[in-house]
Amino acid sequence: MIEWLTWFTSMENTKPFVLVLFFITFVGIIMYVYTGRKRSERLESYKNIPLTEDEGEQSTHPEEANK
């Protein structure tokens, strides 16, 4: 039972294993983000959030304050 733990102590074995593990995690995250119609529509709606102003918020730009 201890043999598989000693396998990880060797850097030649650990580096490829962790590389594959991180790659699978990365691909899983990418697939989660870009699949699903509702999720992609929701993410598309978030792209204009920095450009919208709240209704009750006053503008701090001097040229807009004169309007």
N, C-alpha and C. Protein backbone atom coordinates (compact mmCIF):
# COMPACT_ATOMS: atom_id res chain seq x y z
N MET A 1 0.82 -1.19 0.00
CA MET A 1 0.00 0.00 0.00
C MET A 1 0.87 1.26 0.00
N ILE A 2 2.00 1.23 0.58
CA ILE A 2 2.87 2.39 0.66
C ILE A 2 3.60 2.62 -0.66
N GLU A 3 3.65 1.62 -1.52
CA GLU A 3 4.38 1.77 -2.79
C GLU A 3 3.84 2.90 -3.66
N TRP A 4 2.53 3.07 -3.68
CA TRP A 4 1.97 4.14 -4.52
C TRP A 4 2.27 5.51 -3.94
N LEU A 5 2.46 5.60 -2.64
CA LEU A 5 2.85 6.88 -2.04
C LEU A 5 4.31 7.20 -2.35
N THR A 6 5.16 6.21 -2.38
CA THR A 6 6.57 6.43 -2.70
C THR A 6 6.73 6.78 -4.18
N TRP A 7 5.77 6.38 -5.00
CA TRP A 7 5.83 6.72 -6.43
C TRP A 7 5.75 8.23 -6.61
N PHE A 8 4.98 8.92 -5.77
CA PHE A 8 4.82 10.38 -5.86
C PHE A 8 6.04 11.14 -5.36
N THR A 9 6.88 10.52 -4.58
CA THR A 9 8.04 11.23 -4.05
C THR A 9 9.09 11.46 -5.13
N SER A 10 9.01 10.74 -6.22
CA SER A 10 9.95 10.94 -7.32
C SER A 10 9.42 12.03 -8.24
N MET A 11 10.22 13.07 -8.49
CA MET A 11 9.77 14.20 -9.31
C MET A 11 9.51 13.81 -10.76
N GLU A 12 10.16 12.76 -11.24
CA GLU A 12 9.91 12.32 -12.62
C GLU A 12 8.48 11.80 -12.77
N ASN A 13 7.90 11.31 -11.70
CA ASN A 13 6.53 10.79 -11.75
C ASN A 13 5.51 11.86 -11.40
N THR A 14 5.85 12.74 -10.50
CA THR A 14 4.89 13.73 -10.02
C THR A 14 4.60 14.81 -11.06
N LYS A 15 5.62 15.30 -11.75
CA LYS A 15 5.41 16.40 -12.71
C LYS A 15 4.46 16.04 -13.83
N PRO A 16 4.62 14.90 -14.52
CA PRO A 16 3.63 14.58 -15.57
C PRO A 16 2.23 14.34 -15.02
N PHE A 17 2.14 13.73 -13.85
CA PHE A 17 0.83 13.49 -13.25
C PHE A 17 0.11 14.81 -12.95
N VAL A 18 0.80 15.76 -12.36
CA VAL A 18 0.20 17.06 -12.03
C VAL A 18 -0.13 17.84 -13.31
N LEU A 19 0.72 17.73 -14.33
CA LEU A 19 0.45 18.39 -15.60
C LEU A 19 -0.84 17.88 -16.21
N VAL A 20 -1.02 16.58 -16.22
CA VAL A 20 -2.25 16.00 -16.76
C VAL A 20 -3.45 16.39 -15.91
N LEU A 21 -3.28 16.40 -14.60
CA LEU A 21 -4.36 16.78 -13.70
C LEU A 21 -4.80 18.23 -13.93
N PHE A 22 -3.85 19.16 -14.04
CA PHE A 22 -4.19 20.56 -14.29
C PHE A 22 -4.79 20.77 -15.68
N PHE A 23 -4.30 20.04 -16.67
CA PHE A 23 -4.85 20.15 -18.02
C PHE A 23 -6.31 19.69 -18.05
N ILE A 24 -6.60 18.58 -17.41
CA ILE A 24 -7.98 18.08 -17.36
C ILE A 24 -8.87 19.09 -16.63
N THR A 25 -8.37 19.67 -15.56
CA THR A 25 -9.14 20.68 -14.83
C THR A 25 -9.39 21.91 -15.70
N PHE A 26 -8.37 22.36 -16.43
CA PHE A 26 -8.51 23.52 -17.31
C PHE A 26 -9.54 23.26 -18.40
N VAL A 27 -9.46 22.10 -19.04
CA VAL A 27 -10.41 21.77 -20.10
C VAL A 27 -11.83 21.66 -19.52
N GLY A 28 -11.96 21.12 -18.31
CA GLY A 28 -13.27 21.04 -17.68
C GLY A 28 -13.87 22.41 -17.41
N ILE A 29 -13.05 23.34 -16.95
CA ILE A 29 -13.54 24.70 -16.69
C ILE A 29 -13.94 25.38 -18.00
N ILE A 30 -13.14 25.23 -19.03
CA ILE A 30 -13.47 25.83 -20.34
C ILE A 30 -14.76 25.25 -20.88
N MET A 31 -14.93 23.93 -20.77
CA MET A 31 -16.17 23.31 -21.27
C MET A 31 -17.37 23.79 -20.45
N TYR A 32 -17.20 23.96 -19.15
CA TYR A 32 -18.30 24.43 -18.31
C TYR A 32 -18.71 25.85 -18.69
N VAL A 33 -17.73 26.70 -18.94
CA VAL A 33 -18.03 28.10 -19.24
C VAL A 33 -18.66 28.25 -20.62
N TYR A 34 -18.17 27.55 -21.63
CA TYR A 34 -18.63 27.78 -22.99
C TYR A 34 -19.72 26.84 -23.47
N THR A 35 -20.21 25.94 -22.64
CA THR A 35 -21.33 25.09 -23.04
C THR A 35 -22.55 25.51 -22.25
N GLY A 36 -23.67 25.24 -22.79
CA GLY A 36 -24.92 25.61 -22.13
C GLY A 36 -25.43 26.94 -22.65
N ARG A 37 -26.59 26.92 -23.26
CA ARG A 37 -27.14 28.13 -23.88
C ARG A 37 -27.49 29.20 -22.84
N LYS A 38 -28.10 28.80 -21.74
CA LYS A 38 -28.49 29.78 -20.72
C LYS A 38 -27.26 30.45 -20.11
N ARG A 39 -26.21 29.67 -19.87
CA ARG A 39 -25.01 30.23 -19.28
C ARG A 39 -24.34 31.21 -20.24
N SER A 40 -24.27 30.85 -21.52
CA SER A 40 -23.63 31.76 -22.47
C SER A 40 -24.44 33.04 -22.65
N GLU A 41 -25.77 32.95 -22.64
CA GLU A 41 -26.59 34.15 -22.73
C GLU A 41 -26.39 35.03 -21.49
N ARG A 42 -26.30 34.43 -20.31
CA ARG A 42 -26.10 35.19 -19.09
C ARG A 42 -24.74 35.88 -19.11
N LEU A 43 -23.69 35.18 -19.56
CA LEU A 43 -22.37 35.78 -19.63
C LEU A 43 -22.32 36.90 -20.66
N GLU A 44 -23.03 36.76 -21.76
CA GLU A 44 -23.10 37.83 -22.76
C GLU A 44 -23.79 39.06 -22.19
N SER A 45 -24.78 38.87 -21.33
CA SER A 45 -25.47 40.02 -20.76
C SER A 45 -24.58 40.77 -19.77
N TYR A 46 -23.57 40.12 -19.23
CA TYR A 46 -22.68 40.76 -18.26
C TYR A 46 -21.63 41.66 -18.91
N LYS A 47 -21.46 41.58 -20.21
CA LYS A 47 -20.36 42.33 -20.84
C LYS A 47 -20.57 43.84 -20.82
N ASN A 48 -21.80 44.31 -20.69
CA ASN A 48 -22.06 45.76 -20.70
C ASN A 48 -22.26 46.35 -19.31
N ILE A 49 -22.06 45.58 -18.26
CA ILE A 49 -22.27 46.07 -16.90
C ILE A 49 -21.41 47.30 -16.59
N PRO A 50 -20.12 47.35 -16.97
CA PRO A 50 -19.33 48.54 -16.62
C PRO A 50 -19.81 49.81 -17.33
N LEU A 51 -20.56 49.68 -18.40
CA LEU A 51 -20.99 50.84 -19.18
C LEU A 51 -22.34 51.39 -18.75
N THR A 52 -23.08 50.64 -17.96
CA THR A 52 -24.40 51.10 -17.55
C THR A 52 -24.31 51.90 -16.26
N GLU A 53 -25.19 52.86 -16.11
CA GLU A 53 -25.25 53.67 -14.90
C GLU A 53 -26.53 53.33 -14.15
N ASP A 54 -26.46 53.43 -12.84
CA ASP A 54 -27.65 53.21 -12.03
C ASP A 54 -28.60 54.39 -12.21
N GLU A 55 -29.88 54.15 -11.97
CA GLU A 55 -30.90 55.17 -12.17
C GLU A 55 -30.73 56.33 -11.19
N GLY A 56 -30.46 56.05 -9.92
CA GLY A 56 -30.40 57.09 -8.92
C GLY A 56 -29.00 57.66 -8.72
N GLU A 57 -28.05 57.21 -9.47
CA GLU A 57 -26.66 57.64 -9.28
C GLU A 57 -26.37 58.90 -10.08
N GLN A 58 -25.73 59.87 -9.45
CA GLN A 58 -25.34 61.10 -10.13
C GLN A 58 -24.03 60.89 -10.86
N SER A 59 -23.89 61.51 -12.00
CA SER A 59 -22.66 61.41 -12.77
C SER A 59 -21.58 62.28 -12.14
N THR A 60 -20.36 61.81 -12.16
CA THR A 60 -19.25 62.58 -11.58
C THR A 60 -18.44 63.28 -12.65
N HIS A 61 -18.84 63.17 -13.90
CA HIS A 61 -18.12 63.84 -14.98
C HIS A 61 -18.57 65.30 -15.05
N PRO A 62 -17.62 66.24 -15.10
CA PRO A 62 -17.99 67.67 -15.10
C PRO A 62 -18.81 68.06 -16.34
N GLU A 63 -18.51 67.51 -17.49
CA GLU A 63 -19.25 67.91 -18.68
C GLU A 63 -20.67 67.36 -18.67
N GLU A 64 -20.91 66.24 -17.97
CA GLU A 64 -22.26 65.70 -17.87
C GLU A 64 -23.05 66.39 -16.76
N ALA A 65 -22.38 67.00 -15.80
CA ALA A 65 -23.06 67.67 -14.68
C ALA A 65 -23.80 68.92 -15.15
N ASN A 66 -23.35 69.55 -16.25
CA ASN A 66 -23.97 70.76 -16.75
C ASN A 66 -25.25 70.49 -17.53
N LYS A 67 -25.53 69.27 -17.82
CA LYS A 67 -26.71 68.93 -18.64
C LYS A 67 -27.98 69.00 -17.85
